[in-house]
Amino acid sequence: MKKEYTQRTARLIGQDKVDELDTKKVLIFGVGGVGSAVVEALGRAGVGHLILVDADVFDPSNVNRQLGATVQTIGRPKVEVMKERLLSINPDIDVETHATFYLPESHQASSPIPGPITSSMPSIR
């Protein structure tokens, strides 16, 4: 199935680049407003491994602006909802989740995670 849903991307950037995307691992801090769009775009583009970090759960104020937020997902961990969403779009993707807080002042997480690649959290400077 992977070849089918990456055909358009392959026409734009070439199959070799699509194959390269499949080997990439990207860590995303925050899967809310901006982060949920980043996560979904990376998953749809064919990035092979995503690591999602966010300790928050969806609440009613998220429904109008966050991709994973629906009436059915209120109260659920954002990272778990986004993992399910990604796997429903791209079943070949490897998604790792960490429901933890990142502490920007110390550059530490409240639990061990790999080093950062991209951030979509407004509190990170």
PDB file of N, CA and C in Angstrom:
ATOM      1  N   MET A   1       0.813  -1.199   0.000  1.00  0.00           N
ATOM      2  CA  MET A   1       0.000   0.000   0.000  1.00  0.00           C
ATOM      3  C   MET A   1       0.858   1.265   0.000  1.00  0.00           C
ATOM      4  N   LYS A   2       2.043   1.207   0.576  1.00  0.00           N
ATOM      5  CA  LYS A   2       2.881   2.397   0.690  1.00  0.00           C
ATOM      6  C   LYS A   2       3.105   3.061  -0.665  1.00  0.00           C
ATOM      7  N   LYS A   3       3.416   2.289  -1.678  1.00  0.00           N
ATOM      8  CA  LYS A   3       3.652   2.855  -3.009  1.00  0.00           C
ATOM      9  C   LYS A   3       2.426   3.615  -3.510  1.00  0.00           C
ATOM     10  N   GLU A   4       1.235   3.112  -3.206  1.00  0.00           N
ATOM     11  CA  GLU A   4       0.011   3.757  -3.677  1.00  0.00           C
ATOM     12  C   GLU A   4      -0.170   5.140  -3.076  1.00  0.00           C
ATOM     13  N   TYR A   5       0.016   5.283  -1.775  1.00  0.00           N
ATOM     14  CA  TYR A   5      -0.266   6.580  -1.170  1.00  0.00           C
ATOM     15  C   TYR A   5       0.907   7.547  -1.221  1.00  0.00           C
ATOM     16  N   THR A   6       2.030   7.122  -1.752  1.00  0.00           N
ATOM     17  CA  THR A   6       3.145   8.064  -1.928  1.00  0.00           C
ATOM     18  C   THR A   6       3.406   8.368  -3.406  1.00  0.00           C
ATOM     19  N   GLN A   7       2.518   7.939  -4.296  1.00  0.00           N
ATOM     20  CA  GLN A   7       2.703   8.177  -5.729  1.00  0.00           C
ATOM     21  C   GLN A   7       2.833   9.661  -6.064  1.00  0.00           C
ATOM     22  N   ARG A   8       1.945  10.494  -5.513  1.00  0.00           N
ATOM     23  CA  ARG A   8       1.991  11.934  -5.812  1.00  0.00           C
ATOM     24  C   ARG A   8       3.295  12.545  -5.321  1.00  0.00           C
ATOM     25  N   THR A   9       3.700  12.160  -4.136  1.00  0.00           N
ATOM     26  CA  THR A   9       4.950  12.677  -3.587  1.00  0.00           C
ATOM     27  C   THR A   9       6.121  12.236  -4.458  1.00  0.00           C
ATOM     28  N   ALA A  10       6.107  11.008  -4.909  1.00  0.00           N
ATOM     29  CA  ALA A  10       7.183  10.497  -5.766  1.00  0.00           C
ATOM     30  C   ALA A  10       7.257  11.280  -7.072  1.00  0.00           C
ATOM     31  N   ARG A  11       6.121  11.671  -7.615  1.00  0.00           N
ATOM     32  CA  ARG A  11       6.135  12.465  -8.853  1.00  0.00           C
ATOM     33  C   ARG A  11       6.730  13.846  -8.613  1.00  0.00           C
ATOM     34  N   LEU A  12       6.551  14.365  -7.407  1.00  0.00           N
ATOM     35  CA  LEU A  12       7.077  15.697  -7.086  1.00  0.00           C
ATOM     36  C   LEU A  12       8.565  15.680  -6.756  1.00  0.00           C
ATOM     37  N   ILE A  13       8.995  14.717  -5.945  1.00  0.00           N
ATOM     38  CA  ILE A  13      10.381  14.740  -5.455  1.00  0.00           C
ATOM     39  C   ILE A  13      11.215  13.546  -5.909  1.00  0.00           C
ATOM     40  N   GLY A  14      10.585  12.567  -6.534  1.00  0.00           N
ATOM     41  CA  GLY A  14      11.299  11.379  -6.996  1.00  0.00           C
ATOM     42  C   GLY A  14      11.176  10.222  -6.018  1.00  0.00           C
ATOM     43  N   GLN A  15      11.129   9.012  -6.551  1.00  0.00           N
ATOM     44  CA  GLN A  15      10.970   7.823  -5.720  1.00  0.00           C
ATOM     45  C   GLN A  15      12.149   7.639  -4.770  1.00  0.00           C
ATOM     46  N   ASP A  16      13.351   8.033  -5.201  1.00  0.00           N
ATOM     47  CA  ASP A  16      14.516   7.893  -4.327  1.00  0.00           C
ATOM     48  C   ASP A  16      14.368   8.741  -3.068  1.00  0.00           C
ATOM     49  N   LYS A  17      13.775   9.925  -3.202  1.00  0.00           N
ATOM     50  CA  LYS A  17      13.563  10.792  -2.035  1.00  0.00           C
ATOM     51  C   LYS A  17      12.442  10.254  -1.142  1.00  0.00           C
ATOM     52  N   VAL A  18      11.420   9.675  -1.755  1.00  0.00           N
ATOM     53  CA  VAL A  18      10.349   9.045  -0.975  1.00  0.00           C
ATOM     54  C   VAL A  18      10.932   7.883  -0.170  1.00  0.00           C
ATOM     55  N   ASP A  19      11.778   7.089  -0.805  1.00  0.00           N
ATOM     56  CA  ASP A  19      12.429   5.978  -0.103  1.00  0.00           C
ATOM     57  C   ASP A  19      13.301   6.492   1.039  1.00  0.00           C
ATOM     58  N   GLU A  20      13.956   7.630   0.813  1.00  0.00           N
ATOM     59  CA  GLU A  20      14.790   8.229   1.858  1.00  0.00           C
ATOM     60  C   GLU A  20      13.930   8.707   3.034  1.00  0.00           C
ATOM     61  N   LEU A  21      12.780   9.330   2.733  1.00  0.00           N
ATOM     62  CA  LEU A  21      11.866   9.771   3.796  1.00  0.00           C
ATOM     63  C   LEU A  21      11.458   8.605   4.691  1.00  0.00           C
ATOM     64  N   ASP A  22      11.264   7.456   4.082  1.00  0.00           N
ATOM     65  CA  ASP A  22      10.843   6.278   4.836  1.00  0.00           C
ATOM     66  C   ASP A  22      11.893   5.851   5.865  1.00  0.00           C
ATOM     67  N   THR A  23      13.137   6.239   5.669  1.00  0.00           N
ATOM     68  CA  THR A  23      14.207   5.868   6.602  1.00  0.00           C
ATOM     69  C   THR A  23      14.415   6.908   7.704  1.00  0.00           C
ATOM     70  N   LYS A  24      13.710   8.020   7.628  1.00  0.00           N
ATOM     71  CA  LYS A  24      13.940   9.120   8.569  1.00  0.00           C
ATOM     72  C   LYS A  24      13.148   8.952   9.858  1.00  0.00           C
ATOM     73  N   LYS A  25      13.730   9.489  10.936  1.00  0.00           N
ATOM     74  CA  LYS A  25      13.101   9.496  12.254  1.00  0.00           C
ATOM     75  C   LYS A  25      13.001  10.956  12.686  1.00  0.00           C
ATOM     76  N   VAL A  26      11.789  11.397  13.047  1.00  0.00           N
ATOM     77  CA  VAL A  26      11.570  12.783  13.452  1.00  0.00           C
ATOM     78  C   VAL A  26      10.886  12.814  14.809  1.00  0.00           C
ATOM     79  N   LEU A  27      11.412  13.644  15.685  1.00  0.00           N
ATOM     80  CA  LEU A  27      10.866  13.835  17.029  1.00  0.00           C
ATOM     81  C   LEU A  27      10.100  15.147  17.058  1.00  0.00           C
ATOM     82  N   ILE A  28       8.849  15.114  17.487  1.00  0.00           N
ATOM     83  CA  ILE A  28       8.001  16.302  17.545  1.00  0.00           C
ATOM     84  C   ILE A  28       7.580  16.545  18.981  1.00  0.00           C
ATOM     85  N   PHE A  29       7.942  17.702  19.508  1.00  0.00           N
ATOM     86  CA  PHE A  29       7.509  18.124  20.842  1.00  0.00           C
ATOM     87  C   PHE A  29       6.216  18.915  20.685  1.00  0.00           C
ATOM     88  N   GLY A  30       5.145  18.418  21.253  1.00  0.00           N
ATOM     89  CA  GLY A  30       3.862  19.110  21.211  1.00  0.00           C
ATOM     90  C   GLY A  30       3.053  18.700  19.999  1.00  0.00           C
ATOM     91  N   VAL A  31       1.895  18.066  20.230  1.00  0.00           N
ATOM     92  CA  VAL A  31       1.044  17.619  19.126  1.00  0.00           C
ATOM     93  C   VAL A  31      -0.328  18.276  19.208  1.00  0.00           C
ATOM     94  N   GLY A  32      -0.331  19.550  19.590  1.00  0.00           N
ATOM     95  CA  GLY A  32      -1.566  20.326  19.671  1.00  0.00           C
ATOM     96  C   GLY A  32      -1.842  21.061  18.374  1.00  0.00           C
ATOM     97  N   GLY A  33      -2.045  22.383  18.459  1.00  0.00           N
ATOM     98  CA  GLY A  33      -2.427  23.192  17.300  1.00  0.00           C
ATOM     99  C   GLY A  33      -1.485  23.064  16.118  1.00  0.00           C
ATOM    100  N   VAL A  34      -0.267  23.522  16.257  1.00  0.00           N
ATOM    101  CA  VAL A  34       0.723  23.430  15.185  1.00  0.00           C
ATOM    102  C   VAL A  34       1.239  21.999  15.068  1.00  0.00           C
ATOM    103  N   GLY A  35       1.528  21.391  16.197  1.00  0.00           N
ATOM    104  CA  GLY A  35       2.119  20.056  16.200  1.00  0.00           C
ATOM    105  C   GLY A  35       1.275  18.995  15.529  1.00  0.00           C
ATOM    106  N   SER A  36      -0.045  19.049  15.707  1.00  0.00           N
ATOM    107  CA  SER A  36      -0.899  18.039  15.076  1.00  0.00           C
ATOM    108  C   SER A  36      -0.832  18.146  13.556  1.00  0.00           C
ATOM    109  N   ALA A  37      -0.733  19.373  13.037  1.00  0.00           N
ATOM    110  CA  ALA A  37      -0.605  19.564  11.587  1.00  0.00           C
ATOM    111  C   ALA A  37       0.760  19.080  11.099  1.00  0.00           C
ATOM    112  N   VAL A  38       1.802  19.362  11.868  1.00  0.00           N
ATOM    113  CA  VAL A  38       3.155  18.906  11.522  1.00  0.00           C
ATOM    114  C   VAL A  38       3.199  17.381  11.487  1.00  0.00           C
ATOM    115  N   VAL A  39       2.674  16.764  12.529  1.00  0.00           N
ATOM    116  CA  VAL A  39       2.675  15.303  12.637  1.00  0.00           C
ATOM    117  C   VAL A  39       1.940  14.676  11.458  1.00  0.00           C
ATOM    118  N   GLU A  40       0.763  15.196  11.153  1.00  0.00           N
ATOM    119  CA  GLU A  40      -0.009  14.612  10.062  1.00  0.00           C
ATOM    120  C   GLU A  40       0.686  14.814   8.717  1.00  0.00           C
ATOM    121  N   ALA A  41       1.249  15.990   8.493  1.00  0.00           N
ATOM    122  CA  ALA A  41       1.952  16.245   7.232  1.00  0.00           C
ATOM    123  C   ALA A  41       3.145  15.302   7.065  1.00  0.00           C
ATOM    124  N   LEU A  42       3.903  15.099   8.130  1.00  0.00           N
ATOM    125  CA  LEU A  42       5.049  14.188   8.063  1.00  0.00           C
ATOM    126  C   LEU A  42       4.604  12.753   7.795  1.00  0.00           C
ATOM    127  N   GLY A  43       3.531  12.344   8.450  1.00  0.00           N
ATOM    128  CA  GLY A  43       3.007  10.997   8.230  1.00  0.00           C
ATOM    129  C   GLY A  43       2.506  10.798   6.817  1.00  0.00           C
ATOM    130  N   ARG A  44       1.804  11.792   6.294  1.00  0.00           N
ATOM    131  CA  ARG A  44       1.290  11.701   4.924  1.00  0.00           C
ATOM    132  C   ARG A  44       2.416  11.764   3.896  1.00  0.00           C
ATOM    133  N   ALA A  45       3.495  12.460   4.234  1.00  0.00           N
ATOM    134  CA  ALA A  45       4.630  12.573   3.312  1.00  0.00           C
ATOM    135  C   ALA A  45       5.425  11.276   3.214  1.00  0.00           C
ATOM    136  N   GLY A  46       5.276  10.404   4.207  1.00  0.00           N
ATOM    137  CA  GLY A  46       5.966   9.122   4.154  1.00  0.00           C
ATOM    138  C   GLY A  46       7.160   8.987   5.071  1.00  0.00           C
ATOM    139  N   VAL A  47       7.321   9.914   6.031  1.00  0.00           N
ATOM    140  CA  VAL A  47       8.396   9.760   7.011  1.00  0.00           C
ATOM    141  C   VAL A  47       8.154   8.447   7.750  1.00  0.00           C
ATOM    142  N   GLY A  48       9.175   7.638   7.879  1.00  0.00           N
ATOM    143  CA  GLY A  48       9.011   6.277   8.383  1.00  0.00           C
ATOM    144  C   GLY A  48       8.862   6.103   9.876  1.00  0.00           C
ATOM    145  N   HIS A  49       9.381   7.058  10.672  1.00  0.00           N
ATOM    146  CA  HIS A  49       9.346   6.899  12.128  1.00  0.00           C
ATOM    147  C   HIS A  49       9.121   8.263  12.766  1.00  0.00           C
ATOM    148  N   LEU A  50       8.060   8.377  13.538  1.00  0.00           N
ATOM    149  CA  LEU A  50       7.774   9.616  14.260  1.00  0.00           C
ATOM    150  C   LEU A  50       7.751   9.340  15.752  1.00  0.00           C
ATOM    151  N   ILE A  51       8.332  10.266  16.500  1.00  0.00           N
ATOM    152  CA  ILE A  51       8.314  10.197  17.960  1.00  0.00           C
ATOM    153  C   ILE A  51       7.516  11.396  18.440  1.00  0.00           C
ATOM    154  N   LEU A  52       6.397  11.139  19.102  1.00  0.00           N
ATOM    155  CA  LEU A  52       5.497  12.197  19.557  1.00  0.00           C
ATOM    156  C   LEU A  52       5.655  12.394  21.054  1.00  0.00           C
ATOM    157  N   VAL A  53       5.851  13.650  21.470  1.00  0.00           N
ATOM    158  CA  VAL A  53       6.033  13.972  22.883  1.00  0.00           C
ATOM    159  C   VAL A  53       5.035  15.048  23.277  1.00  0.00           C
ATOM    160  N   ASP A  54       4.142  14.721  24.193  1.00  0.00           N
ATOM    161  CA  ASP A  54       3.166  15.684  24.710  1.00  0.00           C
ATOM    162  C   ASP A  54       2.466  15.022  25.891  1.00  0.00           C
ATOM    163  N   ALA A  55       2.454  15.674  27.030  1.00  0.00           N
ATOM    164  CA  ALA A  55       1.829  15.106  28.227  1.00  0.00           C
ATOM    165  C   ALA A  55       0.363  15.487  28.364  1.00  0.00           C
ATOM    166  N   ASP A  56      -0.140  16.292  27.434  1.00  0.00           N
ATOM    167  CA  ASP A  56      -1.490  16.841  27.550  1.00  0.00           C
ATOM    168  C   ASP A  56      -2.551  15.883  27.007  1.00  0.00           C
ATOM    169  N   VAL A  57      -3.792  16.134  27.411  1.00  0.00           N
ATOM    170  CA  VAL A  57      -4.960  15.433  26.877  1.00  0.00           C
ATOM    171  C   VAL A  57      -5.815  16.450  26.129  1.00  0.00           C
ATOM    172  N   PHE A  58      -6.646  15.962  25.220  1.00  0.00           N
ATOM    173  CA  PHE A  58      -7.544  16.858  24.501  1.00  0.00           C
ATOM    174  C   PHE A  58      -8.643  17.352  25.429  1.00  0.00           C
ATOM    175  N   ASP A  59      -8.977  18.641  25.292  1.00  0.00           N
ATOM    176  CA  ASP A  59     -10.097  19.201  26.039  1.00  0.00           C
ATOM    177  C   ASP A  59     -11.004  19.939  25.062  1.00  0.00           C
ATOM    178  N   PRO A  60     -12.200  20.340  25.495  1.00  0.00           N
ATOM    179  CA  PRO A  60     -13.157  20.957  24.573  1.00  0.00           C
ATOM    180  C   PRO A  60     -12.613  22.169  23.811  1.00  0.00           C
ATOM    181  N   SER A  61     -11.717  22.940  24.420  1.00  0.00           N
ATOM    182  CA  SER A  61     -11.193  24.129  23.735  1.00  0.00           C
ATOM    183  C   SER A  61     -10.269  23.780  22.572  1.00  0.00           C
ATOM    184  N   ASN A  62      -9.876  22.521  22.445  1.00  0.00           N
ATOM    185  CA  ASN A  62      -8.997  22.094  21.351  1.00  0.00           C
ATOM    186  C   ASN A  62      -9.755  21.736  20.078  1.00  0.00           C
ATOM    187  N   VAL A  63     -11.042  21.457  20.189  1.00  0.00           N
ATOM    188  CA  VAL A  63     -11.803  20.893  19.076  1.00  0.00           C
ATOM    189  C   VAL A  63     -11.794  21.792  17.838  1.00  0.00           C
ATOM    190  N   ASN A  64     -11.809  23.102  18.008  1.00  0.00           N
ATOM    191  CA  ASN A  64     -11.884  23.984  16.848  1.00  0.00           C
ATOM    192  C   ASN A  64     -10.542  24.228  16.167  1.00  0.00           C
ATOM    193  N   ARG A  65      -9.442  23.703  16.730  1.00  0.00           N
ATOM    194  CA  ARG A  65      -8.141  24.076  16.165  1.00  0.00           C
ATOM    195  C   ARG A  65      -7.083  22.983  16.157  1.00  0.00           C
ATOM    196  N   GLN A  66      -7.380  21.804  16.634  1.00  0.00           N
ATOM    197  CA  GLN A  66      -6.381  20.737  16.662  1.00  0.00           C
ATOM    198  C   GLN A  66      -6.912  19.509  15.933  1.00  0.00           C
ATOM    199  N   LEU A  67      -6.091  18.954  15.044  1.00  0.00           N
ATOM    200  CA  LEU A  67      -6.547  17.875  14.169  1.00  0.00           C
ATOM    201  C   LEU A  67      -7.066  16.645  14.894  1.00  0.00           C
ATOM    202  N   GLY A  68      -6.482  16.258  15.987  1.00  0.00           N
ATOM    203  CA  GLY A  68      -6.931  15.059  16.688  1.00  0.00           C
ATOM    204  C   GLY A  68      -8.095  15.281  17.631  1.00  0.00           C
ATOM    205  N   ALA A  69      -8.454  16.536  17.850  1.00  0.00           N
ATOM    206  CA  ALA A  69      -9.489  16.857  18.837  1.00  0.00           C
ATOM    207  C   ALA A  69     -10.886  16.734  18.242  1.00  0.00           C
ATOM    208  N   THR A  70     -11.682  15.855  18.837  1.00  0.00           N
ATOM    209  CA  THR A  70     -13.093  15.702  18.491  1.00  0.00           C
ATOM    210  C   THR A  70     -13.850  15.487  19.795  1.00  0.00           C
ATOM    211  N   VAL A  71     -15.148  15.484  19.713  1.00  0.00           N
ATOM    212  CA  VAL A  71     -15.951  15.218  20.906  1.00  0.00           C
ATOM    213  C   VAL A  71     -15.581  13.848  21.484  1.00  0.00           C
ATOM    214  N   GLN A  72     -15.280  12.883  20.618  1.00  0.00           N
ATOM    215  CA  GLN A  72     -14.945  11.531  21.069  1.00  0.00           C
ATOM    216  C   GLN A  72     -13.549  11.425  21.691  1.00  0.00           C
ATOM    217  N   THR A  73     -12.657  12.385  21.418  1.00  0.00           N
ATOM    218  CA  THR A  73     -11.290  12.266  21.940  1.00  0.00           C
ATOM    219  C   THR A  73     -11.028  13.157  23.156  1.00  0.00           C
ATOM    220  N   ILE A  74     -12.012  13.900  23.605  1.00  0.00           N
ATOM    221  CA  ILE A  74     -11.837  14.751  24.791  1.00  0.00           C
ATOM    222  C   ILE A  74     -11.456  13.870  25.985  1.00  0.00           C
ATOM    223  N   GLY A  75     -10.401  14.280  26.685  1.00  0.00           N
ATOM    224  CA  GLY A  75      -9.910  13.539  27.844  1.00  0.00           C
ATOM    225  C   GLY A  75      -8.867  12.486  27.521  1.00  0.00           C
ATOM    226  N   ARG A  76      -8.656  12.217  26.241  1.00  0.00           N
ATOM    227  CA  ARG A  76      -7.662  11.207  25.842  1.00  0.00           C
ATOM    228  C   ARG A  76      -6.302  11.855  25.607  1.00  0.00           C
ATOM    229  N   PRO A  77      -5.216  11.129  25.856  1.00  0.00           N
ATOM    230  CA  PRO A  77      -3.874  11.670  25.606  1.00  0.00           C
ATOM    231  C   PRO A  77      -3.678  12.030  24.129  1.00  0.00           C
ATOM    232  N   LYS A  78      -3.153  13.226  23.905  1.00  0.00           N
ATOM    233  CA  LYS A  78      -2.946  13.695  22.535  1.00  0.00           C
ATOM    234  C   LYS A  78      -2.032  12.769  21.744  1.00  0.00           C
ATOM    235  N   VAL A  79      -0.970  12.275  22.368  1.00  0.00           N
ATOM    236  CA  VAL A  79      -0.031  11.424  21.629  1.00  0.00           C
ATOM    237  C   VAL A  79      -0.678  10.115  21.180  1.00  0.00           C
ATOM    238  N   GLU A  80      -1.546   9.554  21.994  1.00  0.00           N
ATOM    239  CA  GLU A  80      -2.204   8.292  21.625  1.00  0.00           C
ATOM    240  C   GLU A  80      -3.220   8.505  20.508  1.00  0.00           C
ATOM    241  N   VAL A  81      -3.980   9.593  20.596  1.00  0.00           N
ATOM    242  CA  VAL A  81      -4.965   9.901  19.550  1.00  0.00           C
ATOM    243  C   VAL A  81      -4.255  10.146  18.221  1.00  0.00           C
ATOM    244  N   MET A  82      -3.178  10.915  18.254  1.00  0.00           N
ATOM    245  CA  MET A  82      -2.458  11.206  17.018  1.00  0.00           C
ATOM    246  C   MET A  82      -1.781   9.958  16.454  1.00  0.00           C
ATOM    247  N   LYS A  83      -1.339   9.061  17.308  1.00  0.00           N
ATOM    248  CA  LYS A  83      -0.775   7.795  16.822  1.00  0.00           C
ATOM    249  C   LYS A  83      -1.843   7.008  16.065  1.00  0.00           C
ATOM    250  N   GLU A  84      -3.032   6.898  16.646  1.00  0.00           N
ATOM    251  CA  GLU A  84      -4.130   6.191  15.979  1.00  0.00           C
ATOM    252  C   GLU A  84      -4.452   6.838  14.638  1.00  0.00           C
ATOM    253  N   ARG A  85      -4.495   8.175  14.638  1.00  0.00           N
ATOM    254  CA  ARG A  85      -4.805   8.909  13.402  1.00  0.00           C
ATOM    255  C   ARG A  85      -3.737   8.630  12.339  1.00  0.00           C
ATOM    256  N   LEU A  86      -2.471   8.694  12.729  1.00  0.00           N
ATOM    257  CA  LEU A  86      -1.380   8.430  11.785  1.00  0.00           C
ATOM    258  C   LEU A  86      -1.468   7.028  11.203  1.00  0.00           C
ATOM    259  N   LEU A  87      -1.708   6.044  12.058  1.00  0.00           N
ATOM    260  CA  LEU A  87      -1.779   4.664  11.587  1.00  0.00           C
ATOM    261  C   LEU A  87      -2.983   4.421  10.686  1.00  0.00           C
ATOM    262  N   SER A  88      -4.038   5.223  10.842  1.00  0.00           N
ATOM    263  CA  SER A  88      -5.192   5.092   9.949  1.00  0.00           C
ATOM    264  C   SER A  88      -4.901   5.707   8.580  1.00  0.00           C
ATOM    265  N   ILE A  89      -3.931   6.607   8.517  1.00  0.00           N
ATOM    266  CA  ILE A  89      -3.525   7.247   7.263  1.00  0.00           C
ATOM    267  C   ILE A  89      -2.398   6.450   6.608  1.00  0.00           C
ATOM    268  N   ASN A  90      -1.416   6.070   7.402  1.00  0.00           N
ATOM    269  CA  ASN A  90      -0.205   5.419   6.922  1.00  0.00           C
ATOM    270  C   ASN A  90       0.103   4.221   7.835  1.00  0.00           C
ATOM    271  N   PRO A  91      -0.459   3.065   7.529  1.00  0.00           N
ATOM    272  CA  PRO A  91      -0.273   1.909   8.408  1.00  0.00           C
ATOM    273  C   PRO A  91       1.161   1.383   8.458  1.00  0.00           C
ATOM    274  N   ASP A  92       2.021   1.852   7.562  1.00  0.00           N
ATOM    275  CA  ASP A  92       3.412   1.401   7.544  1.00  0.00           C
ATOM    276  C   ASP A  92       4.319   2.211   8.459  1.00  0.00           C
ATOM    277  N   ILE A  93       3.823   3.310   9.010  1.00  0.00           N
ATOM    278  CA  ILE A  93       4.651   4.198   9.821  1.00  0.00           C
ATOM    279  C   ILE A  93       4.896   3.598  11.205  1.00  0.00           C
ATOM    280  N   ASP A  94       6.053   3.894  11.752  1.00  0.00           N
ATOM    281  CA  ASP A  94       6.396   3.487  13.117  1.00  0.00           C
ATOM    282  C   ASP A  94       6.214   4.720  13.997  1.00  0.00           C
ATOM    283  N   VAL A  95       5.300   4.651  14.951  1.00  0.00           N
ATOM    284  CA  VAL A  95       5.010   5.800  15.816  1.00  0.00           C
ATOM    285  C   VAL A  95       5.317   5.433  17.258  1.00  0.00           C
ATOM    286  N   GLU A  96       6.169   6.222  17.861  1.00  0.00           N
ATOM    287  CA  GLU A  96       6.542   6.060  19.265  1.00  0.00           C
ATOM    288  C   GLU A  96       5.935   7.237  20.027  1.00  0.00           C
ATOM    289  N   THR A  97       5.327   6.977  21.171  1.00  0.00           N
ATOM    290  CA  THR A  97       4.700   8.060  21.934  1.00  0.00           C
ATOM    291  C   THR A  97       5.309   8.182  23.324  1.00  0.00           C
ATOM    292  N   HIS A  98       5.376   9.425  23.788  1.00  0.00           N
ATOM    293  CA  HIS A  98       5.860   9.726  25.131  1.00  0.00           C
ATOM    294  C   HIS A  98       4.934  10.774  25.734  1.00  0.00           C
ATOM    295  N   ALA A  99       4.117  10.365  26.686  1.00  0.00           N
ATOM    296  CA  ALA A  99       3.233  11.302  27.385  1.00  0.00           C
ATOM    297  C   ALA A  99       4.029  11.911  28.536  1.00  0.00           C
ATOM    298  N   THR A 100       4.871  12.872  28.197  1.00  0.00           N
ATOM    299  CA  THR A 100       5.763  13.484  29.172  1.00  0.00           C
ATOM    300  C   THR A 100       5.880  14.974  28.886  1.00  0.00           C
ATOM    301  N   PHE A 101       6.336  15.723  29.872  1.00  0.00           N
ATOM    302  CA  PHE A 101       6.574  17.155  29.707  1.00  0.00           C
ATOM    303  C   PHE A 101       8.029  17.394  29.340  1.00  0.00           C
ATOM    304  N   TYR A 102       8.252  18.336  28.450  1.00  0.00           N
ATOM    305  CA  TYR A 102       9.603  18.789  28.133  1.00  0.00           C
ATOM    306  C   TYR A 102       9.843  20.065  28.920  1.00  0.00           C
ATOM    307  N   LEU A 103      10.979  20.163  29.565  1.00  0.00           N
ATOM    308  CA  LEU A 103      11.300  21.317  30.394  1.00  0.00           C
ATOM    309  C   LEU A 103      12.333  22.175  29.669  1.00  0.00           C
ATOM    310  N   PRO A 104      11.885  23.239  28.972  1.00  0.00           N
ATOM    311  CA  PRO A 104      12.799  24.014  28.134  1.00  0.00           C
ATOM    312  C   PRO A 104      13.950  24.667  28.889  1.00  0.00           C
ATOM    313  N   GLU A 105      13.720  25.056  30.140  1.00  0.00           N
ATOM    314  CA  GLU A 105      14.800  25.718  30.883  1.00  0.00           C
ATOM    315  C   GLU A 105      15.965  24.781  31.189  1.00  0.00           C
ATOM    316  N   SER A 106      15.687  23.495  31.311  1.00  0.00           N
ATOM    317  CA  SER A 106      16.760  22.540  31.595  1.00  0.00           C
ATOM    318  C   SER A 106      17.078  21.643  30.399  1.00  0.00           C
ATOM    319  N   HIS A 107      16.285  21.768  29.332  1.00  0.00           N
ATOM    320  CA  HIS A 107      16.429  20.906  28.156  1.00  0.00           C
ATOM    321  C   HIS A 107      16.343  19.436  28.546  1.00  0.00           C
ATOM    322  N   GLN A 108      15.474  19.146  29.489  1.00  0.00           N
ATOM    323  CA  GLN A 108      15.261  17.784  29.970  1.00  0.00           C
ATOM    324  C   GLN A 108      13.781  17.438  29.839  1.00  0.00           C
ATOM    325  N   ALA A 109      13.509  16.163  29.725  1.00  0.00           N
ATOM    326  CA  ALA A 109      12.134  15.686  29.738  1.00  0.00           C
ATOM    327  C   ALA A 109      11.883  15.038  31.083  1.00  0.00           C
ATOM    328  N   SER A 110      10.608  14.951  31.437  1.00  0.00           N
ATOM    329  CA  SER A 110      10.280  14.311  32.705  1.00  0.00           C
ATOM    330  C   SER A 110      10.451  12.796  32.633  1.00  0.00           C
ATOM    331  N   SER A 111      10.714  12.264  31.442  1.00  0.00           N
ATOM    332  CA  SER A 111      11.104  10.866  31.260  1.00  0.00           C
ATOM    333  C   SER A 111      12.045  10.814  30.056  1.00  0.00           C
ATOM    334  N   PRO A 112      12.884   9.782  29.930  1.00  0.00           N
ATOM    335  CA  PRO A 112      13.884   9.736  28.859  1.00  0.00           C
ATOM    336  C   PRO A 112      13.267   9.672  27.465  1.00  0.00           C
ATOM    337  N   ILE A 113      13.780  10.505  26.568  1.00  0.00           N
ATOM    338  CA  ILE A 113      13.405  10.501  25.154  1.00  0.00           C
ATOM    339  C   ILE A 113      14.639  10.868  24.335  1.00  0.00           C
ATOM    340  N   PRO A 114      14.641  10.571  23.023  1.00  0.00           N
ATOM    341  CA  PRO A 114      15.776  10.946  22.180  1.00  0.00           C
ATOM    342  C   PRO A 114      15.881  12.460  22.014  1.00  0.00           C
ATOM    343  N   GLY A 115      16.977  12.942  21.458  1.00  0.00           N
ATOM    344  CA  GLY A 115      17.199  14.371  21.245  1.00  0.00           C
ATOM    345  C   GLY A 115      16.224  14.994  20.257  1.00  0.00           C
ATOM    346  N   PRO A 116      15.981  16.312  20.377  1.00  0.00           N
ATOM    347  CA  PRO A 116      14.983  16.990  19.547  1.00  0.00           C
ATOM    348  C   PRO A 116      15.416  17.210  18.102  1.00  0.00           C
ATOM    349  N   ILE A 117      14.421  17.200  17.218  1.00  0.00           N
ATOM    350  CA  ILE A 117      14.635  17.550  15.822  1.00  0.00           C
ATOM    351  C   ILE A 117      13.732  18.717  15.452  1.00  0.00           C
ATOM    352  N   THR A 118      12.485  18.678  15.866  1.00  0.00           N
ATOM    353  CA  THR A 118      11.572  19.779  15.583  1.00  0.00           C
ATOM    354  C   THR A 118      10.713  20.043  16.803  1.00  0.00           C
ATOM    355  N   SER A 119      10.290  21.283  16.946  1.00  0.00           N
ATOM    356  CA  SER A 119       9.443  21.656  18.075  1.00  0.00           C
ATOM    357  C   SER A 119       8.227  22.403  17.573  1.00  0.00           C
ATOM    358  N   SER A 120       7.079  22.077  18.097  1.00  0.00           N
ATOM    359  CA  SER A 120       5.863  22.808  17.773  1.00  0.00           C
ATOM    360  C   SER A 120       5.203  23.306  19.047  1.00  0.00           C
ATOM    361  N   MET A 121       5.982  23.398  20.107  1.00  0.00           N
ATOM    362  CA  MET A 121       5.469  23.881  21.387  1.00  0.00           C
ATOM    363  C   MET A 121       5.807  25.357  21.539  1.00  0.00           C
ATOM    364  N   PRO A 122       4.818  26.193  21.819  1.00  0.00           N
ATOM    365  CA  PRO A 122       5.089  27.622  21.932  1.00  0.00           C
ATOM    366  C   PRO A 122       6.013  27.984  23.083  1.00  0.00           C
ATOM    367  N   SER A 123       6.145  27.130  24.086  1.00  0.00           N
ATOM    368  CA  SER A 123       6.968  27.470  25.247  1.00  0.00           C
ATOM    369  C   SER A 123       8.455  27.197  25.038  1.00  0.00           C
ATOM    370  N   ILE A 124       8.820  26.521  23.961  1.00  0.00           N
ATOM    371  CA  ILE A 124      10.234  26.242  23.707  1.00  0.00           C
ATOM    372  C   ILE A 124      10.847  27.422  22.964  1.00  0.00           C
ATOM    373  N   ARG A 125      12.013  27.878  23.419  1.00  0.00           N
ATOM    374  CA  ARG A 125      12.665  29.041  22.783  1.00  0.00           C
ATOM    375  C   ARG A 125      13.839  28.609  21.970  1.00  0.00           C
TER     376      ARG A 125
END
